[in-house]
Amino acid sequence: MGILVKIARAFGASHIIAVDVQDDKLLKAKTIGATHTINSRKEDAIEKIREITGGMGVDVAVEALGRPQTFMQCTQSVKDGGKAVMIGLAQAGSVGEIDINRLVRRKIKVIGSYGGRARQDLPKLVKLAESGIFNLSDAVSRKYKFEDSNQAFQDLNEGKIIGRAVIEID
């Protein structure tokens, strides 16, 4: 979530709403630029997003978990003509539901994205980092040695990593 908040901030988003189920991750998101945070275990994320946006919804929502429930929340969080961008991978055969009438009547765009385009996007991120707008070192919250890779994946699956973890290869 942290890198998404940083990118949104770097590209001039005025309202950045972070949604998660862990308060420590939401606190981190707030410290790096989220203007609002929602713990979806404690409150209805879609209802709260509508409240924050005056009933409209957001221009762009990003789903990063690859879960059917968050897929639906993402599509329901965008305003008329908004974009719901799916970056989270799911288990093979997973299906996400969407209200077809809302999709058609409200002109919702559902987009899948499997990462950036290195040749086009990386130079832009490097320029943002060089200018100080985007601090890459702040994005890394934890480092693992190569021999601890299994522990890194376990920690990731258990939600123990706040921010980004890097596996260092010597």
N, C-alpha and C. Protein backbone atom coordinates (compact mmCIF):
# COMPACT_ATOMS: atom_id res chain seq x y z
N MET A 1 0.82 -1.19 0.00
CA MET A 1 0.00 0.00 0.00
C MET A 1 0.87 1.25 0.00
N GLY A 2 1.99 1.22 0.71
CA GLY A 2 2.82 2.40 0.85
C GLY A 2 3.29 2.97 -0.47
N ILE A 3 3.73 2.12 -1.36
CA ILE A 3 4.24 2.60 -2.65
C ILE A 3 3.12 3.23 -3.45
N LEU A 4 1.90 2.68 -3.35
CA LEU A 4 0.76 3.26 -4.06
C LEU A 4 0.43 4.65 -3.52
N VAL A 5 0.50 4.81 -2.21
CA VAL A 5 0.26 6.12 -1.60
C VAL A 5 1.31 7.12 -2.09
N LYS A 6 2.56 6.70 -2.12
CA LYS A 6 3.63 7.58 -2.57
C LYS A 6 3.45 7.98 -4.03
N ILE A 7 3.08 7.04 -4.87
CA ILE A 7 2.87 7.34 -6.29
C ILE A 7 1.69 8.30 -6.46
N ALA A 8 0.61 8.04 -5.74
CA ALA A 8 -0.56 8.93 -5.82
C ALA A 8 -0.18 10.35 -5.39
N ARG A 9 0.58 10.45 -4.31
CA ARG A 9 1.02 11.76 -3.82
C ARG A 9 1.94 12.43 -4.84
N ALA A 10 2.87 11.68 -5.40
CA ALA A 10 3.82 12.23 -6.37
C ALA A 10 3.13 12.75 -7.62
N PHE A 11 2.03 12.12 -8.01
CA PHE A 11 1.31 12.54 -9.21
C PHE A 11 0.18 13.51 -8.91
N GLY A 12 0.14 14.04 -7.68
CA GLY A 12 -0.76 15.15 -7.38
C GLY A 12 -2.15 14.82 -6.91
N ALA A 13 -2.40 13.61 -6.45
CA ALA A 13 -3.74 13.28 -5.94
C ALA A 13 -4.04 14.15 -4.73
N SER A 14 -5.23 14.73 -4.68
CA SER A 14 -5.57 15.60 -3.56
C SER A 14 -6.09 14.81 -2.37
N HIS A 15 -6.85 13.77 -2.62
CA HIS A 15 -7.33 12.90 -1.56
C HIS A 15 -6.80 11.49 -1.83
N ILE A 16 -6.13 10.95 -0.84
CA ILE A 16 -5.61 9.59 -0.95
C ILE A 16 -6.19 8.80 0.22
N ILE A 17 -7.04 7.84 -0.11
CA ILE A 17 -7.73 7.05 0.91
C ILE A 17 -7.11 5.66 0.95
N ALA A 18 -6.53 5.31 2.07
CA ALA A 18 -5.92 3.99 2.25
C ALA A 18 -6.90 3.10 3.01
N VAL A 19 -7.10 1.88 2.51
CA VAL A 19 -8.00 0.93 3.15
C VAL A 19 -7.22 -0.33 3.47
N ASP A 20 -7.33 -0.80 4.69
CA ASP A 20 -6.66 -2.02 5.12
C ASP A 20 -7.40 -2.56 6.33
N VAL A 21 -6.96 -3.69 6.84
CA VAL A 21 -7.55 -4.28 8.05
C VAL A 21 -6.60 -4.18 9.24
N GLN A 22 -5.42 -3.62 9.01
CA GLN A 22 -4.43 -3.51 10.08
C GLN A 22 -4.13 -2.04 10.36
N ASP A 23 -4.35 -1.64 11.62
CA ASP A 23 -4.15 -0.25 12.00
C ASP A 23 -2.70 0.21 11.82
N ASP A 24 -1.72 -0.69 12.04
CA ASP A 24 -0.33 -0.28 11.89
C ASP A 24 -0.01 0.05 10.43
N LYS A 25 -0.58 -0.67 9.50
CA LYS A 25 -0.37 -0.36 8.08
C LYS A 25 -1.05 0.95 7.71
N LEU A 26 -2.22 1.19 8.29
CA LEU A 26 -2.92 2.45 8.03
C LEU A 26 -2.16 3.64 8.61
N LEU A 27 -1.58 3.47 9.78
CA LEU A 27 -0.78 4.53 10.37
C LEU A 27 0.42 4.86 9.49
N LYS A 28 1.07 3.83 8.97
CA LYS A 28 2.21 4.02 8.06
C LYS A 28 1.74 4.77 6.80
N ALA A 29 0.59 4.38 6.27
CA ALA A 29 0.05 5.05 5.08
C ALA A 29 -0.20 6.53 5.35
N LYS A 30 -0.69 6.84 6.53
CA LYS A 30 -0.96 8.24 6.91
C LYS A 30 0.34 9.03 6.99
N THR A 31 1.40 8.41 7.52
CA THR A 31 2.67 9.12 7.68
C THR A 31 3.36 9.38 6.34
N ILE A 32 3.01 8.61 5.30
CA ILE A 32 3.66 8.83 4.00
C ILE A 32 2.76 9.51 2.98
N GLY A 33 1.59 9.98 3.43
CA GLY A 33 0.81 10.80 2.52
C GLY A 33 -0.67 10.51 2.37
N ALA A 34 -1.18 9.45 2.97
CA ALA A 34 -2.62 9.22 2.88
C ALA A 34 -3.35 10.33 3.62
N THR A 35 -4.39 10.86 3.01
CA THR A 35 -5.17 11.91 3.66
C THR A 35 -6.27 11.33 4.54
N HIS A 36 -6.68 10.11 4.24
CA HIS A 36 -7.71 9.42 5.02
C HIS A 36 -7.34 7.94 5.10
N THR A 37 -7.73 7.30 6.20
CA THR A 37 -7.53 5.87 6.34
C THR A 37 -8.82 5.22 6.81
N ILE A 38 -9.02 3.99 6.35
CA ILE A 38 -10.23 3.24 6.71
C ILE A 38 -9.81 1.82 7.08
N ASN A 39 -10.18 1.40 8.28
CA ASN A 39 -9.99 0.01 8.68
C ASN A 39 -11.28 -0.72 8.31
N SER A 40 -11.22 -1.54 7.27
CA SER A 40 -12.44 -2.18 6.76
C SER A 40 -12.96 -3.30 7.65
N ARG A 41 -12.22 -3.64 8.71
CA ARG A 41 -12.76 -4.57 9.71
C ARG A 41 -13.69 -3.83 10.67
N LYS A 42 -13.44 -2.52 10.81
CA LYS A 42 -14.18 -1.73 11.79
C LYS A 42 -15.30 -0.90 11.16
N GLU A 43 -15.18 -0.59 9.87
CA GLU A 43 -16.21 0.21 9.21
C GLU A 43 -16.39 -0.24 7.77
N ASP A 44 -17.54 0.08 7.21
CA ASP A 44 -17.85 -0.27 5.83
C ASP A 44 -17.03 0.65 4.92
N ALA A 45 -16.07 0.06 4.21
CA ALA A 45 -15.14 0.86 3.40
C ALA A 45 -15.86 1.66 2.32
N ILE A 46 -16.79 1.05 1.63
CA ILE A 46 -17.50 1.74 0.54
C ILE A 46 -18.31 2.91 1.08
N GLU A 47 -19.02 2.68 2.17
CA GLU A 47 -19.81 3.74 2.80
C GLU A 47 -18.92 4.90 3.24
N LYS A 48 -17.79 4.57 3.85
CA LYS A 48 -16.87 5.60 4.34
C LYS A 48 -16.24 6.38 3.18
N ILE A 49 -15.88 5.69 2.10
CA ILE A 49 -15.33 6.36 0.92
C ILE A 49 -16.36 7.32 0.34
N ARG A 50 -17.60 6.90 0.27
CA ARG A 50 -18.67 7.79 -0.23
C ARG A 50 -18.82 9.01 0.69
N GLU A 51 -18.72 8.79 2.00
CA GLU A 51 -18.81 9.90 2.95
C GLU A 51 -17.67 10.89 2.73
N ILE A 52 -16.46 10.39 2.59
CA ILE A 52 -15.29 11.25 2.40
C ILE A 52 -15.38 12.05 1.11
N THR A 53 -15.94 11.43 0.07
CA THR A 53 -16.00 12.07 -1.26
C THR A 53 -17.33 12.76 -1.54
N GLY A 54 -18.11 13.01 -0.51
CA GLY A 54 -19.39 13.69 -0.70
C GLY A 54 -20.38 12.90 -1.52
N GLY A 55 -20.32 11.57 -1.39
CA GLY A 55 -21.25 10.69 -2.07
C GLY A 55 -20.85 10.29 -3.48
N MET A 56 -19.77 10.83 -3.98
CA MET A 56 -19.39 10.59 -5.37
C MET A 56 -18.59 9.32 -5.59
N GLY A 57 -17.64 9.03 -4.75
CA GLY A 57 -16.68 7.96 -4.98
C GLY A 57 -15.37 8.56 -5.49
N VAL A 58 -14.38 7.73 -5.67
CA VAL A 58 -13.05 8.20 -6.07
C VAL A 58 -12.86 8.12 -7.58
N ASP A 59 -11.91 8.88 -8.07
CA ASP A 59 -11.57 8.85 -9.50
C ASP A 59 -10.96 7.50 -9.87
N VAL A 60 -10.01 7.06 -9.03
CA VAL A 60 -9.29 5.80 -9.29
C VAL A 60 -9.19 5.03 -7.98
N ALA A 61 -9.54 3.75 -8.04
CA ALA A 61 -9.37 2.85 -6.90
C ALA A 61 -8.45 1.72 -7.36
N VAL A 62 -7.56 1.31 -6.47
CA VAL A 62 -6.61 0.24 -6.80
C VAL A 62 -6.83 -0.92 -5.85
N GLU A 63 -7.03 -2.11 -6.40
CA GLU A 63 -7.19 -3.32 -5.62
C GLU A 63 -5.88 -4.09 -5.72
N ALA A 64 -5.26 -4.36 -4.56
CA ALA A 64 -3.92 -4.95 -4.57
C ALA A 64 -3.85 -6.35 -3.95
N LEU A 65 -4.97 -6.91 -3.52
CA LEU A 65 -4.94 -8.20 -2.85
C LEU A 65 -5.34 -9.38 -3.74
N GLY A 66 -6.10 -9.14 -4.78
CA GLY A 66 -6.55 -10.24 -5.64
C GLY A 66 -7.62 -11.10 -4.98
N ARG A 67 -8.48 -10.49 -4.20
CA ARG A 67 -9.54 -11.22 -3.52
C ARG A 67 -10.90 -10.78 -4.06
N PRO A 68 -11.82 -11.72 -4.24
CA PRO A 68 -13.14 -11.35 -4.77
C PRO A 68 -13.83 -10.23 -3.99
N GLN A 69 -13.74 -10.24 -2.66
CA GLN A 69 -14.39 -9.21 -1.85
C GLN A 69 -13.78 -7.83 -2.13
N THR A 70 -12.45 -7.75 -2.20
CA THR A 70 -11.83 -6.44 -2.43
C THR A 70 -11.99 -6.01 -3.89
N PHE A 71 -12.13 -6.96 -4.81
CA PHE A 71 -12.45 -6.63 -6.20
C PHE A 71 -13.78 -5.90 -6.25
N MET A 72 -14.78 -6.45 -5.57
CA MET A 72 -16.11 -5.83 -5.55
C MET A 72 -16.06 -4.46 -4.87
N GLN A 73 -15.35 -4.36 -3.76
CA GLN A 73 -15.24 -3.08 -3.06
C GLN A 73 -14.60 -2.03 -3.96
N CYS A 74 -13.58 -2.43 -4.69
CA CYS A 74 -12.88 -1.52 -5.58
C CYS A 74 -13.83 -0.96 -6.64
N THR A 75 -14.60 -1.83 -7.27
CA THR A 75 -15.51 -1.37 -8.33
C THR A 75 -16.64 -0.51 -7.78
N GLN A 76 -17.02 -0.75 -6.54
CA GLN A 76 -18.11 0.03 -5.92
C GLN A 76 -17.61 1.35 -5.33
N SER A 77 -16.32 1.54 -5.25
CA SER A 77 -15.74 2.74 -4.64
C SER A 77 -15.53 3.89 -5.62
N VAL A 78 -15.59 3.61 -6.92
CA VAL A 78 -15.28 4.65 -7.89
C VAL A 78 -16.51 5.45 -8.28
N LYS A 79 -16.28 6.68 -8.66
CA LYS A 79 -17.36 7.56 -9.09
C LYS A 79 -17.77 7.23 -10.52
N ASP A 80 -18.80 7.89 -11.00
CA ASP A 80 -19.23 7.72 -12.38
C ASP A 80 -18.06 8.00 -13.31
N GLY A 81 -17.80 7.08 -14.22
CA GLY A 81 -16.68 7.24 -15.15
C GLY A 81 -15.33 6.93 -14.54
N GLY A 82 -15.31 6.48 -13.30
CA GLY A 82 -14.05 6.20 -12.61
C GLY A 82 -13.40 4.91 -13.06
N LYS A 83 -12.16 4.72 -12.60
CA LYS A 83 -11.38 3.55 -12.97
C LYS A 83 -11.13 2.69 -11.74
N ALA A 84 -11.41 1.40 -11.88
CA ALA A 84 -11.09 0.41 -10.86
C ALA A 84 -9.93 -0.41 -11.42
N VAL A 85 -8.75 -0.24 -10.82
CA VAL A 85 -7.54 -0.87 -11.34
C VAL A 85 -7.18 -2.06 -10.46
N MET A 86 -7.10 -3.22 -11.08
CA MET A 86 -6.80 -4.46 -10.36
C MET A 86 -5.33 -4.82 -10.58
N ILE A 87 -4.57 -4.85 -9.48
CA ILE A 87 -3.16 -5.24 -9.59
C ILE A 87 -2.86 -6.51 -8.79
N GLY A 88 -3.80 -6.90 -7.92
CA GLY A 88 -3.58 -8.08 -7.08
C GLY A 88 -3.86 -9.36 -7.85
N LEU A 89 -2.96 -10.32 -7.71
CA LEU A 89 -3.15 -11.62 -8.33
C LEU A 89 -3.91 -12.54 -7.38
N ALA A 90 -4.75 -13.40 -7.95
CA ALA A 90 -5.57 -14.32 -7.17
C ALA A 90 -5.20 -15.75 -7.50
N GLN A 91 -5.77 -16.66 -6.76
CA GLN A 91 -5.60 -18.08 -7.08
C GLN A 91 -6.25 -18.33 -8.44
N ALA A 92 -5.70 -19.26 -9.18
CA ALA A 92 -6.25 -19.60 -10.49
C ALA A 92 -7.72 -19.94 -10.36
N GLY A 93 -8.53 -19.38 -11.26
CA GLY A 93 -9.96 -19.66 -11.27
C GLY A 93 -10.79 -18.74 -10.40
N SER A 94 -10.16 -17.82 -9.67
CA SER A 94 -10.91 -16.88 -8.83
C SER A 94 -11.76 -15.96 -9.70
N VAL A 95 -12.94 -15.64 -9.21
CA VAL A 95 -13.88 -14.81 -9.95
C VAL A 95 -14.30 -13.63 -9.08
N GLY A 96 -14.32 -12.45 -9.68
CA GLY A 96 -14.78 -11.26 -8.99
C GLY A 96 -16.14 -10.84 -9.53
N GLU A 97 -17.05 -10.48 -8.64
CA GLU A 97 -18.38 -10.06 -9.05
C GLU A 97 -18.42 -8.55 -9.27
N ILE A 98 -19.30 -8.15 -10.17
CA ILE A 98 -19.51 -6.73 -10.42
C ILE A 98 -20.97 -6.51 -10.78
N ASP A 99 -21.55 -5.43 -10.31
CA ASP A 99 -22.92 -5.07 -10.64
C ASP A 99 -22.93 -4.58 -12.09
N ILE A 100 -23.48 -5.37 -12.98
CA ILE A 100 -23.43 -5.06 -14.42
C ILE A 100 -24.13 -3.74 -14.72
N ASN A 101 -25.28 -3.50 -14.11
CA ASN A 101 -26.00 -2.25 -14.38
C ASN A 101 -25.19 -1.03 -13.94
N ARG A 102 -24.53 -1.13 -12.79
CA ARG A 102 -23.68 -0.03 -12.33
C ARG A 102 -22.53 0.18 -13.29
N LEU A 103 -21.92 -0.91 -13.73
CA LEU A 103 -20.81 -0.84 -14.68
C LEU A 103 -21.23 -0.10 -15.95
N VAL A 104 -22.38 -0.45 -16.48
CA VAL A 104 -22.85 0.13 -17.74
C VAL A 104 -23.37 1.55 -17.55
N ARG A 105 -24.28 1.74 -16.61
CA ARG A 105 -24.91 3.05 -16.41
C ARG A 105 -23.93 4.11 -15.91
N ARG A 106 -23.02 3.70 -15.06
CA ARG A 106 -22.09 4.66 -14.45
C ARG A 106 -20.77 4.76 -15.21
N LYS A 107 -20.63 3.99 -16.29
CA LYS A 107 -19.44 4.01 -17.15
C LYS A 107 -18.16 3.72 -16.37
N ILE A 108 -18.24 2.71 -15.50
CA ILE A 108 -17.09 2.32 -14.70
C ILE A 108 -16.10 1.57 -15.59
N LYS A 109 -14.84 1.88 -15.47
CA LYS A 109 -13.79 1.20 -16.23
C LYS A 109 -13.06 0.25 -15.28
N VAL A 110 -13.02 -1.03 -15.62
CA VAL A 110 -12.30 -2.02 -14.84
C VAL A 110 -11.06 -2.39 -15.64
N ILE A 111 -9.89 -2.16 -15.03
CA ILE A 111 -8.63 -2.34 -15.73
C ILE A 111 -7.74 -3.29 -14.94
N GLY A 112 -7.13 -4.21 -15.64
CA GLY A 112 -6.13 -5.07 -15.03
C GLY A 112 -4.75 -4.55 -15.36
N SER A 113 -3.86 -4.58 -14.39
CA SER A 113 -2.51 -4.08 -14.61
C SER A 113 -1.52 -5.02 -13.94
N TYR A 114 -0.60 -5.53 -14.72
CA TYR A 114 0.41 -6.44 -14.19
C TYR A 114 1.75 -5.72 -14.12
N GLY A 115 1.77 -4.66 -13.34
CA GLY A 115 3.01 -3.93 -13.13
C GLY A 115 3.25 -2.85 -14.17
N GLY A 116 4.33 -2.15 -13.98
CA GLY A 116 4.68 -1.05 -14.87
C GLY A 116 5.39 -1.53 -16.12
N ARG A 117 5.57 -0.59 -17.00
CA ARG A 117 6.33 -0.85 -18.23
C ARG A 117 7.73 -0.29 -17.98
N ALA A 118 8.67 -1.17 -17.77
CA ALA A 118 10.00 -0.77 -17.31
C ALA A 118 10.63 0.32 -18.17
N ARG A 119 10.61 0.19 -19.46
CA ARG A 119 11.27 1.17 -20.34
C ARG A 119 10.60 2.54 -20.29
N GLN A 120 9.31 2.57 -20.08
CA GLN A 120 8.58 3.84 -20.06
C GLN A 120 8.46 4.41 -18.65
N ASP A 121 8.14 3.54 -17.68
CA ASP A 121 7.82 4.01 -16.34
C ASP A 121 9.02 4.21 -15.43
N LEU A 122 10.03 3.35 -15.56
CA LEU A 122 11.19 3.43 -14.67
C LEU A 122 11.92 4.76 -14.77
N PRO A 123 12.17 5.29 -15.97
CA PRO A 123 12.83 6.60 -16.04
C PRO A 123 12.02 7.71 -15.33
N LYS A 124 10.70 7.64 -15.39
CA LYS A 124 9.87 8.63 -14.70
C LYS A 124 10.03 8.52 -13.18
N LEU A 125 10.04 7.27 -12.69
CA LEU A 125 10.22 7.07 -11.25
C LEU A 125 11.61 7.52 -10.80
N VAL A 126 12.61 7.28 -11.62
CA VAL A 126 13.97 7.71 -11.28
C VAL A 126 14.02 9.23 -11.19
N LYS A 127 13.38 9.93 -12.13
CA LYS A 127 13.35 11.40 -12.10
C LYS A 127 12.63 11.90 -10.85
N LEU A 128 11.53 11.26 -10.48
CA LEU A 128 10.83 11.65 -9.26
C LEU A 128 11.71 11.43 -8.04
N ALA A 129 12.44 10.32 -8.03
CA ALA A 129 13.34 10.04 -6.91
C ALA A 129 14.47 11.06 -6.87
N GLU A 130 15.04 11.39 -8.02
CA GLU A 130 16.13 12.38 -8.07
C GLU A 130 15.67 13.75 -7.61
N SER A 131 14.44 14.09 -7.91
CA SER A 131 13.93 15.41 -7.52
C SER A 131 13.53 15.47 -6.05
N GLY A 132 13.45 14.30 -5.41
CA GLY A 132 13.08 14.26 -3.99
C GLY A 132 11.59 14.11 -3.77
N ILE A 133 10.80 14.10 -4.83
CA ILE A 133 9.35 13.94 -4.69
C ILE A 133 9.00 12.54 -4.24
N PHE A 134 9.74 11.58 -4.72
CA PHE A 134 9.47 10.18 -4.42
C PHE A 134 10.71 9.57 -3.80
N ASN A 135 10.64 9.22 -2.52
CA ASN A 135 11.79 8.69 -1.80
C ASN A 135 11.74 7.17 -1.80
N LEU A 136 12.58 6.56 -2.62
CA LEU A 136 12.57 5.10 -2.75
C LEU A 136 13.05 4.40 -1.48
N SER A 137 14.01 4.98 -0.79
CA SER A 137 14.53 4.30 0.40
C SER A 137 13.49 4.22 1.51
N ASP A 138 12.58 5.19 1.59
CA ASP A 138 11.51 5.15 2.59
C ASP A 138 10.51 4.02 2.31
N ALA A 139 10.46 3.59 1.05
CA ALA A 139 9.50 2.55 0.69
C ALA A 139 9.90 1.19 1.28
N VAL A 140 11.18 0.99 1.53
CA VAL A 140 11.67 -0.29 2.06
C VAL A 140 11.62 -0.23 3.58
N SER A 141 10.80 -1.12 4.16
CA SER A 141 10.65 -1.12 5.61
C SER A 141 11.37 -2.30 6.28
N ARG A 142 11.74 -3.28 5.45
CA ARG A 142 12.38 -4.46 6.03
C ARG A 142 13.27 -5.12 4.99
N LYS A 143 14.41 -5.64 5.45
CA LYS A 143 15.34 -6.34 4.55
C LYS A 143 15.58 -7.75 5.07
N TYR A 144 15.69 -8.68 4.12
CA TYR A 144 15.99 -10.07 4.44
C TYR A 144 17.22 -10.50 3.66
N LYS A 145 17.98 -11.40 4.24
CA LYS A 145 19.08 -12.02 3.51
C LYS A 145 18.48 -13.09 2.60
N PHE A 146 19.20 -13.43 1.55
CA PHE A 146 18.71 -14.41 0.58
C PHE A 146 18.33 -15.73 1.25
N GLU A 147 19.14 -16.15 2.20
CA GLU A 147 18.86 -17.43 2.87
C GLU A 147 17.60 -17.37 3.75
N ASP A 148 17.08 -16.17 3.99
CA ASP A 148 15.85 -15.99 4.78
C ASP A 148 14.63 -15.74 3.90
N SER A 149 14.75 -16.08 2.62
CA SER A 149 13.66 -15.84 1.66
C SER A 149 12.36 -16.50 2.08
N ASN A 150 12.43 -17.74 2.55
CA ASN A 150 11.20 -18.43 2.97
C ASN A 150 10.50 -17.69 4.10
N GLN A 151 11.29 -17.17 5.04
CA GLN A 151 10.71 -16.40 6.14
C GLN A 151 10.06 -15.12 5.61
N ALA A 152 10.68 -14.49 4.62
CA ALA A 152 10.13 -13.28 4.03
C ALA A 152 8.76 -13.55 3.41
N PHE A 153 8.65 -14.65 2.67
CA PHE A 153 7.37 -14.99 2.06
C PHE A 153 6.33 -15.35 3.12
N GLN A 154 6.75 -16.02 4.16
CA GLN A 154 5.83 -16.35 5.25
C GLN A 154 5.34 -15.07 5.93
N ASP A 155 6.25 -14.17 6.21
CA ASP A 155 5.86 -12.89 6.83
C ASP A 155 4.91 -12.11 5.93
N LEU A 156 5.17 -12.13 4.64
CA LEU A 156 4.30 -11.44 3.68
C LEU A 156 2.90 -12.05 3.71
N ASN A 157 2.82 -13.37 3.65
CA ASN A 157 1.52 -14.05 3.67
C ASN A 157 0.75 -13.82 4.96
N GLU A 158 1.46 -13.62 6.06
CA GLU A 158 0.83 -13.42 7.35
C GLU A 158 0.56 -11.94 7.64
N GLY A 159 0.87 -11.07 6.68
CA GLY A 159 0.61 -9.65 6.86
C GLY A 159 1.52 -8.96 7.85
N LYS A 160 2.71 -9.52 8.08
CA LYS A 160 3.64 -8.97 9.06
C LYS A 160 4.55 -7.90 8.49
N ILE A 161 4.50 -7.69 7.19
CA ILE A 161 5.37 -6.70 6.56
C ILE A 161 4.58 -5.42 6.33
N ILE A 162 5.04 -4.36 6.93
CA ILE A 162 4.45 -3.05 6.72
C ILE A 162 5.33 -2.31 5.73
N GLY A 163 4.77 -1.92 4.63
CA GLY A 163 5.58 -1.28 3.58
C GLY A 163 6.09 -2.33 2.61
N ARG A 164 7.35 -2.23 2.25
CA ARG A 164 7.96 -3.14 1.28
C ARG A 164 9.15 -3.84 1.93
N ALA A 165 9.30 -5.11 1.59
CA ALA A 165 10.46 -5.87 2.04
C ALA A 165 11.34 -6.15 0.83
N VAL A 166 12.62 -6.21 1.07
CA VAL A 166 13.59 -6.48 0.02
C VAL A 166 14.43 -7.68 0.44
N ILE A 167 14.64 -8.59 -0.51
CA ILE A 167 15.54 -9.71 -0.27
C ILE A 167 16.87 -9.35 -0.90
N GLU A 168 17.90 -9.24 -0.06
CA GLU A 168 19.22 -8.84 -0.52
C GLU A 168 20.00 -10.06 -0.99
N ILE A 169 20.58 -9.94 -2.16
CA ILE A 169 21.41 -11.01 -2.70
C ILE A 169 22.84 -10.50 -2.75
N ASP A 170 23.72 -11.16 -2.01
CA ASP A 170 25.12 -10.71 -1.96
C ASP A 170 25.89 -11.22 -3.15
